[in-house]
């Protein structure tokens, strides 16, 4: 398989048509080798417009969704990032190439270990990997400039917003299937929040995601 040709086709046929035009984001997709993060049995699907299974019912997101996340968040070199759900480590690596430092939490032991190996293979060193459940709040006590939640959540826990620095941005997919919205929430200097819906998608819920109280008869 010609990985470089497949990577080029992915960018031109999937990423650009999905309104990802930021040259820095497009450059990262060539720089960070996606095939290094795809499980062996699915390596030939590394650049396909689909989710790729990685175990435990989890999956790598479609490349166009990962690219839109990067573009919408516009991470800067001096910023710190928190990621909920490391998965294979691919989005972690992309974020790491843009940010000062990335902290990423994964609930599954084997995915945590696999992501560490993938990131080392790709030469990504500015990442701290945490093992644990971060579906309802970041682990630890640090605040961040950017927070990325890589699984859907029926409602967005306030704990994530409280851990954003002023000027910070959060990405999440919020709602229940079949209606889910990808949103970016920005924190203003005075503590106010502005929420923007950026696209529609369907994403597997986070393990232990916070659910709203449901009225029962």
N, C-alpha and C. Protein backbone atom coordinates (compact mmCIF):
# COMPACT_ATOMS: atom_id res chain seq x y z
N UNK A 1 0.85 -1.20 0.00
CA UNK A 1 0.00 0.00 0.00
C UNK A 1 0.87 1.25 0.00
N UNK A 2 0.55 2.19 -0.87
CA UNK A 2 1.28 3.46 -0.92
C UNK A 2 0.65 4.42 0.10
N UNK A 3 1.25 4.47 1.30
CA UNK A 3 0.68 5.29 2.37
C UNK A 3 0.64 6.77 2.00
N UNK A 4 1.67 7.26 1.34
CA UNK A 4 1.72 8.70 1.03
C UNK A 4 0.64 9.08 0.03
N UNK A 5 0.40 8.24 -0.95
CA UNK A 5 -0.68 8.52 -1.90
C UNK A 5 -2.04 8.45 -1.21
N UNK A 6 -2.20 7.45 -0.32
CA UNK A 6 -3.46 7.32 0.41
C UNK A 6 -3.68 8.52 1.33
N UNK A 7 -2.60 9.02 1.94
CA UNK A 7 -2.69 10.20 2.82
C UNK A 7 -3.11 11.43 2.00
N UNK A 8 -2.50 11.59 0.83
CA UNK A 8 -2.85 12.71 -0.05
C UNK A 8 -4.33 12.63 -0.46
N UNK A 9 -4.77 11.43 -0.83
CA UNK A 9 -6.17 11.26 -1.23
C UNK A 9 -7.11 11.57 -0.07
N UNK A 10 -6.74 11.16 1.14
CA UNK A 10 -7.55 11.45 2.32
C UNK A 10 -7.74 12.96 2.48
N UNK A 11 -6.66 13.70 2.38
CA UNK A 11 -6.73 15.15 2.56
C UNK A 11 -7.56 15.79 1.47
N UNK A 12 -7.33 15.41 0.24
CA UNK A 12 -8.00 16.06 -0.89
C UNK A 12 -9.45 15.64 -1.05
N UNK A 13 -9.78 14.37 -0.73
CA UNK A 13 -11.12 13.87 -1.00
C UNK A 13 -12.04 13.86 0.22
N UNK A 14 -11.45 13.88 1.43
CA UNK A 14 -12.26 13.86 2.64
C UNK A 14 -12.15 15.14 3.46
N UNK A 15 -10.91 15.59 3.67
CA UNK A 15 -10.67 16.67 4.62
C UNK A 15 -11.06 18.03 4.03
N UNK A 16 -10.52 18.36 2.88
CA UNK A 16 -10.85 19.67 2.27
C UNK A 16 -12.35 19.82 2.00
N UNK A 17 -13.04 18.81 1.47
CA UNK A 17 -14.48 18.97 1.24
C UNK A 17 -15.28 19.19 2.52
N UNK A 18 -14.69 18.88 3.66
CA UNK A 18 -15.38 19.10 4.94
C UNK A 18 -14.96 20.43 5.55
N UNK A 19 -14.55 21.35 4.71
CA UNK A 19 -14.25 22.74 5.06
C UNK A 19 -13.06 22.88 5.99
N UNK A 20 -12.13 21.94 5.91
CA UNK A 20 -10.87 22.08 6.65
C UNK A 20 -9.84 22.63 5.68
N UNK A 21 -9.53 23.91 5.84
CA UNK A 21 -8.65 24.60 4.90
C UNK A 21 -7.44 25.24 5.58
N UNK A 22 -7.36 25.14 6.91
CA UNK A 22 -6.24 25.70 7.65
C UNK A 22 -4.95 24.99 7.21
N UNK A 23 -4.00 25.72 6.63
CA UNK A 23 -2.78 25.05 6.13
C UNK A 23 -1.98 24.36 7.22
N UNK A 24 -2.03 24.86 8.45
CA UNK A 24 -1.30 24.20 9.54
C UNK A 24 -1.93 22.85 9.88
N UNK A 25 -3.24 22.79 9.88
CA UNK A 25 -3.93 21.54 10.15
C UNK A 25 -3.65 20.54 9.02
N UNK A 26 -3.76 20.99 7.79
CA UNK A 26 -3.50 20.10 6.67
C UNK A 26 -2.06 19.59 6.69
N UNK A 27 -1.13 20.46 7.06
CA UNK A 27 0.26 20.06 7.17
C UNK A 27 0.48 18.99 8.22
N UNK A 28 -0.24 19.11 9.35
CA UNK A 28 -0.12 18.12 10.42
C UNK A 28 -0.57 16.74 9.97
N UNK A 29 -1.58 16.70 9.12
CA UNK A 29 -2.09 15.42 8.66
C UNK A 29 -1.07 14.68 7.81
N UNK A 30 -0.17 15.42 7.19
CA UNK A 30 0.94 14.79 6.46
C UNK A 30 2.10 14.46 7.40
N UNK A 31 2.29 15.28 8.41
CA UNK A 31 3.43 15.13 9.32
C UNK A 31 3.25 13.97 10.29
N UNK A 32 2.07 13.86 10.90
CA UNK A 32 1.81 12.79 11.87
C UNK A 32 1.24 11.59 11.11
N UNK A 33 1.94 10.50 11.13
CA UNK A 33 1.61 9.33 10.31
C UNK A 33 0.48 8.52 10.94
N UNK A 34 -0.70 8.65 10.39
CA UNK A 34 -1.89 8.02 10.97
C UNK A 34 -1.76 6.50 11.05
N UNK A 35 -1.08 5.89 10.08
CA UNK A 35 -0.97 4.44 10.05
C UNK A 35 -0.23 3.88 11.26
N UNK A 36 0.59 4.71 11.93
CA UNK A 36 1.29 4.26 13.14
C UNK A 36 0.35 4.03 14.31
N UNK A 37 -0.86 4.58 14.23
CA UNK A 37 -1.80 4.53 15.35
C UNK A 37 -2.97 3.58 15.09
N UNK A 38 -2.97 2.93 13.94
CA UNK A 38 -4.06 2.03 13.56
C UNK A 38 -3.68 0.59 13.91
N UNK A 39 -4.56 -0.16 14.59
CA UNK A 39 -4.24 -1.56 14.89
C UNK A 39 -3.90 -2.34 13.63
N UNK A 40 -2.97 -3.28 13.76
CA UNK A 40 -2.46 -4.04 12.62
C UNK A 40 -3.51 -4.60 11.68
N UNK A 41 -4.55 -5.27 12.18
CA UNK A 41 -5.55 -5.86 11.28
C UNK A 41 -6.30 -4.84 10.42
N UNK A 42 -6.27 -3.58 10.83
CA UNK A 42 -7.03 -2.54 10.10
C UNK A 42 -6.11 -1.53 9.41
N UNK A 43 -4.82 -1.85 9.31
CA UNK A 43 -3.85 -0.89 8.76
C UNK A 43 -4.25 -0.40 7.38
N UNK A 44 -4.82 -1.27 6.56
CA UNK A 44 -5.19 -0.90 5.20
C UNK A 44 -6.34 0.12 5.18
N UNK A 45 -7.02 0.29 6.31
CA UNK A 45 -8.14 1.23 6.40
C UNK A 45 -7.73 2.55 7.04
N UNK A 46 -6.43 2.75 7.23
CA UNK A 46 -5.95 3.91 7.98
C UNK A 46 -6.47 5.23 7.44
N UNK A 47 -6.71 5.33 6.15
CA UNK A 47 -7.09 6.61 5.55
C UNK A 47 -8.52 6.59 5.01
N UNK A 48 -9.28 5.56 5.37
CA UNK A 48 -10.66 5.46 4.90
C UNK A 48 -11.56 6.43 5.67
N UNK A 49 -12.65 6.82 5.02
CA UNK A 49 -13.62 7.73 5.63
C UNK A 49 -14.57 6.93 6.52
N UNK A 50 -14.02 6.45 7.63
CA UNK A 50 -14.79 5.59 8.52
C UNK A 50 -14.14 5.58 9.89
N UNK A 51 -14.90 5.13 10.90
CA UNK A 51 -14.32 4.87 12.21
C UNK A 51 -13.60 3.53 12.17
N UNK A 52 -12.47 3.44 12.90
CA UNK A 52 -11.68 2.21 12.90
C UNK A 52 -11.70 1.61 14.29
N UNK A 53 -12.14 0.35 14.44
CA UNK A 53 -12.22 -0.27 15.77
C UNK A 53 -10.84 -0.40 16.41
N UNK A 54 -10.79 -0.13 17.73
CA UNK A 54 -9.53 -0.27 18.46
C UNK A 54 -9.70 -1.12 19.72
N UNK A 55 -10.89 -1.71 19.90
CA UNK A 55 -11.13 -2.56 21.06
C UNK A 55 -12.09 -1.92 22.06
N UNK A 56 -12.76 -2.77 22.85
CA UNK A 56 -13.71 -2.33 23.89
C UNK A 56 -14.89 -1.57 23.29
N UNK A 57 -15.18 -1.81 22.01
CA UNK A 57 -16.25 -1.06 21.36
C UNK A 57 -15.87 0.36 21.03
N UNK A 58 -14.60 0.74 21.23
CA UNK A 58 -14.11 2.08 20.93
C UNK A 58 -13.59 2.14 19.50
N UNK A 59 -13.41 3.33 18.98
CA UNK A 59 -12.95 3.47 17.60
C UNK A 59 -12.22 4.80 17.41
N UNK A 60 -11.29 4.78 16.47
CA UNK A 60 -10.71 6.04 16.00
C UNK A 60 -11.79 6.80 15.24
N UNK A 61 -11.87 8.09 15.41
CA UNK A 61 -12.84 8.90 14.69
C UNK A 61 -12.51 8.97 13.21
N UNK A 62 -13.48 9.34 12.41
CA UNK A 62 -13.21 9.59 10.99
C UNK A 62 -12.15 10.68 10.87
N UNK A 63 -11.25 10.56 9.90
CA UNK A 63 -10.21 11.58 9.74
C UNK A 63 -10.76 13.00 9.61
N UNK A 64 -11.88 13.16 8.92
CA UNK A 64 -12.42 14.51 8.72
C UNK A 64 -12.91 15.12 10.03
N UNK A 65 -13.39 14.27 10.96
CA UNK A 65 -13.82 14.78 12.25
C UNK A 65 -12.62 15.22 13.08
N UNK A 66 -11.56 14.41 13.07
CA UNK A 66 -10.34 14.78 13.79
C UNK A 66 -9.79 16.11 13.26
N UNK A 67 -9.80 16.26 11.94
CA UNK A 67 -9.28 17.48 11.33
C UNK A 67 -10.13 18.69 11.69
N UNK A 68 -11.46 18.53 11.72
CA UNK A 68 -12.32 19.64 12.09
C UNK A 68 -12.11 20.05 13.54
N UNK A 69 -11.90 19.07 14.42
CA UNK A 69 -11.63 19.38 15.82
C UNK A 69 -10.40 20.27 15.93
N UNK A 70 -9.34 19.89 15.23
CA UNK A 70 -8.10 20.68 15.26
C UNK A 70 -8.34 22.09 14.75
N UNK A 71 -9.07 22.20 13.65
CA UNK A 71 -9.30 23.52 13.06
C UNK A 71 -10.16 24.39 13.97
N UNK A 72 -11.21 23.82 14.54
CA UNK A 72 -12.13 24.60 15.37
C UNK A 72 -11.45 25.09 16.65
N UNK A 73 -10.54 24.29 17.21
CA UNK A 73 -9.91 24.67 18.48
C UNK A 73 -8.72 25.60 18.30
N UNK A 74 -8.09 25.56 17.13
CA UNK A 74 -6.97 26.47 16.82
C UNK A 74 -5.97 26.54 17.98
N UNK A 75 -5.46 25.38 18.38
CA UNK A 75 -4.52 25.30 19.50
C UNK A 75 -3.23 26.04 19.18
N UNK A 76 -2.74 26.81 20.14
CA UNK A 76 -1.52 27.60 19.95
C UNK A 76 -0.34 26.96 20.68
N UNK A 77 0.89 27.26 20.25
CA UNK A 77 2.08 26.58 20.80
C UNK A 77 2.29 26.78 22.29
N UNK A 78 1.75 27.84 22.87
CA UNK A 78 1.95 28.10 24.30
C UNK A 78 0.85 27.50 25.16
N UNK A 79 -0.09 26.78 24.58
CA UNK A 79 -1.27 26.32 25.32
C UNK A 79 -1.14 24.88 25.82
N UNK A 80 -1.88 24.60 26.90
CA UNK A 80 -1.96 23.25 27.45
C UNK A 80 -3.32 22.65 27.10
N UNK A 81 -3.32 21.34 26.88
CA UNK A 81 -4.52 20.65 26.42
C UNK A 81 -4.82 19.47 27.33
N UNK A 82 -6.11 19.25 27.59
CA UNK A 82 -6.55 18.04 28.29
C UNK A 82 -7.47 17.27 27.34
N UNK A 83 -7.20 15.98 27.20
CA UNK A 83 -7.99 15.13 26.32
C UNK A 83 -8.66 14.02 27.13
N UNK A 84 -9.95 13.85 26.93
CA UNK A 84 -10.70 12.77 27.57
C UNK A 84 -10.82 11.63 26.55
N UNK A 85 -10.15 10.51 26.82
CA UNK A 85 -10.20 9.38 25.91
C UNK A 85 -9.02 9.37 24.96
N UNK A 86 -7.92 8.75 25.36
CA UNK A 86 -6.72 8.73 24.53
C UNK A 86 -6.90 7.85 23.31
N UNK A 87 -7.60 6.73 23.48
CA UNK A 87 -7.80 5.81 22.36
C UNK A 87 -6.47 5.29 21.84
N UNK A 88 -6.27 5.39 20.53
CA UNK A 88 -5.02 4.93 19.91
C UNK A 88 -3.89 5.94 20.08
N UNK A 89 -4.25 7.18 20.46
CA UNK A 89 -3.24 8.23 20.62
C UNK A 89 -3.06 9.11 19.41
N UNK A 90 -3.82 8.89 18.33
CA UNK A 90 -3.61 9.69 17.11
C UNK A 90 -3.99 11.15 17.29
N UNK A 91 -5.21 11.40 17.79
CA UNK A 91 -5.59 12.80 18.02
C UNK A 91 -4.68 13.43 19.07
N UNK A 92 -4.27 12.64 20.05
CA UNK A 92 -3.32 13.10 21.06
C UNK A 92 -2.04 13.61 20.40
N UNK A 93 -1.55 12.85 19.43
CA UNK A 93 -0.33 13.22 18.72
C UNK A 93 -0.52 14.51 17.92
N UNK A 94 -1.65 14.63 17.24
CA UNK A 94 -1.93 15.85 16.48
C UNK A 94 -1.98 17.06 17.41
N UNK A 95 -2.65 16.91 18.54
CA UNK A 95 -2.72 18.00 19.51
C UNK A 95 -1.33 18.31 20.07
N UNK A 96 -0.55 17.26 20.30
CA UNK A 96 0.80 17.45 20.83
C UNK A 96 1.70 18.24 19.89
N UNK A 97 1.49 18.08 18.61
CA UNK A 97 2.30 18.82 17.63
C UNK A 97 1.96 20.31 17.60
N UNK A 98 0.79 20.67 18.12
CA UNK A 98 0.38 22.07 18.12
C UNK A 98 0.55 22.74 19.47
N UNK A 99 0.44 21.97 20.56
CA UNK A 99 0.36 22.54 21.90
C UNK A 99 1.71 22.51 22.62
N UNK A 100 1.75 23.22 23.73
CA UNK A 100 2.91 23.13 24.61
C UNK A 100 2.96 21.77 25.30
N UNK A 101 1.79 21.33 25.80
CA UNK A 101 1.74 20.04 26.48
C UNK A 101 0.31 19.51 26.43
N UNK A 102 0.19 18.18 26.32
CA UNK A 102 -1.11 17.51 26.32
C UNK A 102 -1.15 16.52 27.47
N UNK A 103 -2.23 16.57 28.24
CA UNK A 103 -2.53 15.55 29.24
C UNK A 103 -3.74 14.78 28.75
N UNK A 104 -3.62 13.45 28.69
CA UNK A 104 -4.70 12.65 28.12
C UNK A 104 -5.04 11.49 29.05
N UNK A 105 -6.33 11.26 29.28
CA UNK A 105 -6.79 10.22 30.20
C UNK A 105 -7.52 9.12 29.42
N UNK A 106 -7.22 7.87 29.77
CA UNK A 106 -7.84 6.71 29.13
C UNK A 106 -8.29 5.72 30.20
N UNK A 107 -9.50 5.20 30.06
CA UNK A 107 -10.08 4.32 31.08
C UNK A 107 -9.64 2.87 30.90
N UNK A 108 -9.28 2.46 29.68
CA UNK A 108 -8.93 1.07 29.41
C UNK A 108 -7.41 0.87 29.49
N UNK A 109 -6.98 -0.11 30.26
CA UNK A 109 -5.55 -0.33 30.48
C UNK A 109 -4.79 -0.60 29.19
N UNK A 110 -5.32 -1.49 28.33
CA UNK A 110 -4.59 -1.86 27.13
C UNK A 110 -4.52 -0.72 26.11
N UNK A 111 -5.58 0.08 26.02
CA UNK A 111 -5.53 1.24 25.13
C UNK A 111 -4.53 2.27 25.65
N UNK A 112 -4.51 2.44 26.96
CA UNK A 112 -3.53 3.35 27.58
C UNK A 112 -2.11 2.92 27.22
N UNK A 113 -1.82 1.63 27.37
CA UNK A 113 -0.48 1.13 27.07
C UNK A 113 -0.17 1.22 25.58
N UNK A 114 -1.16 0.89 24.75
CA UNK A 114 -0.96 0.95 23.31
C UNK A 114 -0.71 2.36 22.81
N UNK A 115 -1.45 3.32 23.37
CA UNK A 115 -1.26 4.72 22.98
C UNK A 115 0.14 5.20 23.35
N UNK A 116 0.62 4.78 24.53
CA UNK A 116 1.97 5.17 24.95
C UNK A 116 3.00 4.67 23.95
N UNK A 117 2.85 3.42 23.51
CA UNK A 117 3.78 2.86 22.53
C UNK A 117 3.67 3.58 21.19
N UNK A 118 2.44 3.87 20.75
CA UNK A 118 2.25 4.57 19.47
C UNK A 118 2.86 5.96 19.49
N UNK A 119 2.67 6.69 20.58
CA UNK A 119 3.21 8.04 20.69
C UNK A 119 4.74 8.02 20.71
N UNK A 120 5.31 7.05 21.40
CA UNK A 120 6.77 6.93 21.43
C UNK A 120 7.29 6.62 20.03
N UNK A 121 6.62 5.73 19.31
CA UNK A 121 7.03 5.38 17.95
C UNK A 121 6.98 6.60 17.03
N UNK A 122 6.00 7.47 17.28
CA UNK A 122 5.85 8.67 16.43
C UNK A 122 6.72 9.84 16.90
N UNK A 123 7.44 9.66 18.02
CA UNK A 123 8.33 10.71 18.50
C UNK A 123 7.62 11.87 19.18
N UNK A 124 6.44 11.61 19.75
CA UNK A 124 5.67 12.65 20.45
C UNK A 124 6.02 12.56 21.94
N UNK A 125 6.71 13.58 22.46
CA UNK A 125 7.22 13.50 23.84
C UNK A 125 6.53 14.45 24.80
N UNK A 126 5.76 15.40 24.32
CA UNK A 126 5.15 16.40 25.21
C UNK A 126 3.74 16.01 25.63
N UNK A 127 3.58 14.74 26.02
CA UNK A 127 2.28 14.22 26.41
C UNK A 127 2.41 13.47 27.74
N UNK A 128 1.47 13.71 28.65
CA UNK A 128 1.35 12.94 29.88
C UNK A 128 0.10 12.09 29.77
N UNK A 129 0.24 10.77 29.87
CA UNK A 129 -0.89 9.86 29.78
C UNK A 129 -1.33 9.44 31.17
N UNK A 130 -2.62 9.58 31.44
CA UNK A 130 -3.20 9.19 32.72
C UNK A 130 -4.12 7.99 32.51
N UNK A 131 -4.17 7.13 33.48
CA UNK A 131 -5.06 5.96 33.43
C UNK A 131 -6.19 6.20 34.42
N UNK A 132 -7.43 6.30 33.91
CA UNK A 132 -8.55 6.49 34.81
C UNK A 132 -9.79 7.00 34.11
N UNK A 133 -10.87 7.09 34.85
CA UNK A 133 -12.17 7.52 34.36
C UNK A 133 -12.26 9.05 34.43
N UNK A 134 -12.35 9.67 33.26
CA UNK A 134 -12.42 11.13 33.20
C UNK A 134 -13.68 11.59 32.48
N UNK A 135 -14.73 10.77 32.53
CA UNK A 135 -15.94 11.08 31.78
C UNK A 135 -16.70 12.29 32.33
N UNK A 136 -16.49 12.61 33.62
CA UNK A 136 -17.30 13.68 34.23
C UNK A 136 -16.48 14.86 34.72
N UNK A 137 -15.15 14.72 34.67
CA UNK A 137 -14.27 15.82 35.09
C UNK A 137 -12.83 15.46 34.74
N UNK A 138 -11.99 16.46 34.50
CA UNK A 138 -10.56 16.17 34.31
C UNK A 138 -9.96 15.57 35.57
N UNK A 139 -9.02 14.67 35.40
CA UNK A 139 -8.30 14.11 36.53
C UNK A 139 -7.27 15.14 37.02
N UNK A 140 -6.98 15.13 38.31
CA UNK A 140 -6.02 16.09 38.85
C UNK A 140 -6.67 17.43 39.11
N UNK A 141 -5.85 18.43 39.44
CA UNK A 141 -6.39 19.73 39.82
C UNK A 141 -5.97 20.88 38.94
N UNK A 142 -5.37 20.59 37.78
CA UNK A 142 -4.86 21.65 36.91
C UNK A 142 -5.94 22.18 35.99
N UNK A 143 -5.86 23.46 35.67
CA UNK A 143 -6.73 24.05 34.64
C UNK A 143 -6.00 24.03 33.30
N UNK A 144 -6.77 24.11 32.21
CA UNK A 144 -6.20 23.96 30.88
C UNK A 144 -6.72 25.04 29.93
N UNK A 145 -5.97 25.25 28.87
CA UNK A 145 -6.39 26.20 27.84
C UNK A 145 -7.37 25.57 26.86
N UNK A 146 -7.24 24.28 26.65
CA UNK A 146 -8.09 23.55 25.70
C UNK A 146 -8.46 22.21 26.32
N UNK A 147 -9.74 21.84 26.20
CA UNK A 147 -10.20 20.51 26.61
C UNK A 147 -10.91 19.87 25.44
N UNK A 148 -10.56 18.60 25.16
CA UNK A 148 -11.17 17.84 24.06
C UNK A 148 -11.79 16.58 24.65
N UNK A 149 -13.07 16.40 24.42
CA UNK A 149 -13.78 15.20 24.88
C UNK A 149 -14.06 14.35 23.64
N UNK A 150 -13.43 13.16 23.56
CA UNK A 150 -13.44 12.40 22.32
C UNK A 150 -14.57 11.38 22.21
N UNK A 151 -15.44 11.32 23.21
CA UNK A 151 -16.66 10.52 23.12
C UNK A 151 -17.84 11.42 23.39
N UNK A 152 -19.02 11.01 22.98
CA UNK A 152 -20.19 11.86 23.19
C UNK A 152 -20.65 11.80 24.64
N UNK A 153 -21.41 12.82 25.03
CA UNK A 153 -21.97 12.89 26.37
C UNK A 153 -23.37 13.49 26.27
N UNK A 154 -24.37 12.88 26.90
CA UNK A 154 -25.73 13.42 26.79
C UNK A 154 -25.83 14.87 27.24
N UNK A 155 -25.07 15.22 28.27
CA UNK A 155 -24.99 16.61 28.69
C UNK A 155 -23.55 16.90 29.10
N UNK A 156 -23.16 18.16 29.01
CA UNK A 156 -21.78 18.55 29.29
C UNK A 156 -21.61 18.86 30.77
N UNK A 157 -20.81 18.08 31.49
CA UNK A 157 -20.63 18.34 32.92
C UNK A 157 -19.99 19.70 33.18
N UNK A 158 -20.51 20.42 34.14
CA UNK A 158 -19.99 21.74 34.50
C UNK A 158 -18.52 21.67 34.93
N UNK A 159 -18.10 20.52 35.46
CA UNK A 159 -16.73 20.38 35.95
C UNK A 159 -15.70 20.65 34.87
N UNK A 160 -16.03 20.33 33.61
CA UNK A 160 -15.09 20.61 32.52
C UNK A 160 -14.96 22.11 32.28
N UNK A 161 -16.08 22.80 32.27
CA UNK A 161 -16.05 24.24 32.03
C UNK A 161 -15.27 24.96 33.14
N UNK A 162 -15.43 24.47 34.36
CA UNK A 162 -14.74 25.10 35.49
C UNK A 162 -13.23 24.95 35.41
N UNK A 163 -12.74 24.02 34.60
CA UNK A 163 -11.30 23.78 34.50
C UNK A 163 -10.68 24.43 33.28
N UNK A 164 -11.46 25.27 32.59
CA UNK A 164 -10.93 26.03 31.45
C UNK A 164 -10.33 27.34 31.93
N UNK A 165 -9.14 27.65 31.45
CA UNK A 165 -8.56 28.97 31.70
C UNK A 165 -9.34 30.04 30.95
N UNK A 166 -9.29 31.30 31.37
CA UNK A 166 -9.91 32.38 30.59
C UNK A 166 -9.36 32.38 29.17
N UNK A 167 -10.26 32.49 28.21
CA UNK A 167 -9.86 32.40 26.80
C UNK A 167 -9.78 30.98 26.30
N UNK A 168 -10.04 30.00 27.17
CA UNK A 168 -9.93 28.59 26.80
C UNK A 168 -11.11 28.12 25.97
N UNK A 169 -10.90 26.99 25.29
CA UNK A 169 -11.93 26.41 24.44
C UNK A 169 -12.10 24.93 24.77
N UNK A 170 -13.34 24.47 24.69
CA UNK A 170 -13.66 23.07 24.92
C UNK A 170 -14.41 22.53 23.72
N UNK A 171 -14.03 21.31 23.28
CA UNK A 171 -14.76 20.62 22.22
C UNK A 171 -15.45 19.41 22.81
N UNK A 172 -16.73 19.23 22.44
CA UNK A 172 -17.48 18.05 22.88
C UNK A 172 -18.57 17.75 21.87
N UNK A 173 -18.98 16.50 21.82
CA UNK A 173 -20.17 16.10 21.07
C UNK A 173 -21.24 15.80 22.10
N UNK A 174 -22.32 16.57 22.04
CA UNK A 174 -23.33 16.55 23.09
C UNK A 174 -24.67 16.10 22.52
N UNK A 175 -25.36 15.24 23.29
CA UNK A 175 -26.69 14.79 22.89
C UNK A 175 -26.80 13.29 22.90
N UNK A 176 -27.95 12.81 22.48
CA UNK A 176 -28.24 11.38 22.35
C UNK A 176 -28.49 11.07 20.88
N UNK A 177 -28.05 9.89 20.44
CA UNK A 177 -28.34 9.47 19.07
C UNK A 177 -29.86 9.39 18.87
N UNK A 178 -30.35 9.80 17.70
CA UNK A 178 -29.61 10.17 16.50
C UNK A 178 -29.31 11.67 16.36
N UNK A 179 -29.52 12.43 17.41
CA UNK A 179 -29.29 13.88 17.32
C UNK A 179 -28.14 14.27 18.25
N UNK A 180 -26.99 14.51 17.68
CA UNK A 180 -25.83 14.94 18.45
C UNK A 180 -25.21 16.14 17.75
N UNK A 181 -24.70 17.07 18.54
CA UNK A 181 -24.08 18.28 18.01
C UNK A 181 -22.64 18.39 18.51
N UNK A 182 -21.73 18.63 17.61
CA UNK A 182 -20.37 18.98 18.01
C UNK A 182 -20.37 20.46 18.37
N UNK A 183 -19.89 20.77 19.58
CA UNK A 183 -19.92 22.15 20.04
C UNK A 183 -18.54 22.58 20.51
N UNK A 184 -18.28 23.86 20.39
CA UNK A 184 -17.10 24.49 20.98
C UNK A 184 -17.60 25.51 22.00
N UNK A 185 -17.11 25.39 23.22
CA UNK A 185 -17.47 26.33 24.28
C UNK A 185 -16.24 27.15 24.62
N UNK A 186 -16.37 28.47 24.56
CA UNK A 186 -15.26 29.38 24.87
C UNK A 186 -15.53 30.07 26.20
N UNK A 187 -14.50 30.18 27.02
CA UNK A 187 -14.63 30.87 28.31
C UNK A 187 -14.10 32.29 28.19
N UNK A 188 -14.94 33.25 28.51
CA UNK A 188 -14.53 34.65 28.46
C UNK A 188 -13.72 35.04 29.68
N UNK A 189 -13.09 36.19 29.59
CA UNK A 189 -12.23 36.67 30.69
C UNK A 189 -13.02 36.88 31.97
N UNK A 190 -14.29 37.21 31.88
CA UNK A 190 -15.11 37.45 33.06
C UNK A 190 -15.81 36.22 33.59
N UNK A 191 -15.50 35.06 33.04
CA UNK A 191 -16.12 33.83 33.50
C UNK A 191 -17.37 33.43 32.74
N UNK A 192 -17.73 34.22 31.71
CA UNK A 192 -18.89 33.86 30.90
C UNK A 192 -18.49 32.79 29.89
N UNK A 193 -19.48 32.11 29.32
CA UNK A 193 -19.23 31.05 28.34
C UNK A 193 -20.04 31.31 27.07
N UNK A 194 -19.42 31.05 25.95
CA UNK A 194 -20.13 31.15 24.67
C UNK A 194 -20.07 29.79 23.98
N UNK A 195 -21.23 29.26 23.64
CA UNK A 195 -21.33 27.92 23.03
C UNK A 195 -21.70 28.06 21.56
N UNK A 196 -20.93 27.38 20.70
CA UNK A 196 -21.17 27.42 19.27
C UNK A 196 -21.30 26.00 18.74
N UNK A 197 -22.40 25.73 18.01
CA UNK A 197 -22.55 24.43 17.36
C UNK A 197 -21.80 24.48 16.03
N UNK A 198 -20.90 23.51 15.82
CA UNK A 198 -20.02 23.58 14.64
C UNK A 198 -20.36 22.55 13.57
N UNK A 199 -20.86 21.40 13.96
CA UNK A 199 -21.34 20.42 12.97
C UNK A 199 -22.12 19.33 13.67
N UNK A 200 -22.82 18.51 12.88
CA UNK A 200 -23.55 17.37 13.42
C UNK A 200 -22.75 16.10 13.16
N UNK A 201 -22.79 15.19 14.11
CA UNK A 201 -22.11 13.91 13.94
C UNK A 201 -22.69 12.92 14.93
N UNK A 202 -22.33 11.68 14.81
CA UNK A 202 -22.71 10.64 15.77
C UNK A 202 -21.41 10.06 16.32
N UNK A 203 -21.30 10.02 17.65
CA UNK A 203 -20.08 9.53 18.29
C UNK A 203 -20.48 8.62 19.44
N UNK A 204 -19.75 7.52 19.60
CA UNK A 204 -20.04 6.59 20.69
C UNK A 204 -19.94 7.33 22.03
N UNK A 205 -20.87 7.08 22.95
CA UNK A 205 -20.81 7.76 24.26
C UNK A 205 -19.57 7.35 25.05
N UNK A 206 -19.09 8.28 25.85
CA UNK A 206 -18.04 7.96 26.80
C UNK A 206 -18.53 6.91 27.79
N UNK A 207 -17.64 6.02 28.20
CA UNK A 207 -17.96 5.12 29.30
C UNK A 207 -18.21 5.97 30.55
N UNK A 208 -19.36 5.75 31.20
CA UNK A 208 -19.75 6.47 32.42
C UNK A 208 -20.06 7.95 32.16
N UNK A 209 -20.46 8.28 30.93
CA UNK A 209 -20.82 9.67 30.63
C UNK A 209 -21.98 10.12 31.51
N UNK A 210 -21.96 11.39 31.87
CA UNK A 210 -23.02 11.96 32.71
C UNK A 210 -24.31 12.06 31.92
N UNK A 211 -25.38 11.52 32.47
CA UNK A 211 -26.68 11.56 31.80
C UNK A 211 -27.61 12.48 32.58
N UNK A 212 -28.47 13.21 31.87
CA UNK A 212 -29.43 14.07 32.57
C UNK A 212 -30.48 13.24 33.29
N UNK A 213 -31.11 13.83 34.30
CA UNK A 213 -32.20 13.14 35.00
C UNK A 213 -33.36 12.98 34.04
N UNK A 214 -33.88 11.78 33.95
CA UNK A 214 -35.00 11.48 33.05
C UNK A 214 -36.30 11.39 33.85
N UNK A 215 -37.35 12.01 33.34
CA UNK A 215 -38.63 11.92 34.02
C UNK A 215 -39.22 10.53 33.80
N UNK A 216 -39.66 9.90 34.86
CA UNK A 216 -40.24 8.57 34.76
C UNK A 216 -41.69 8.59 35.28
N UNK A 217 -42.58 7.90 34.55
CA UNK A 217 -43.97 7.81 34.98
C UNK A 217 -44.08 6.75 36.08
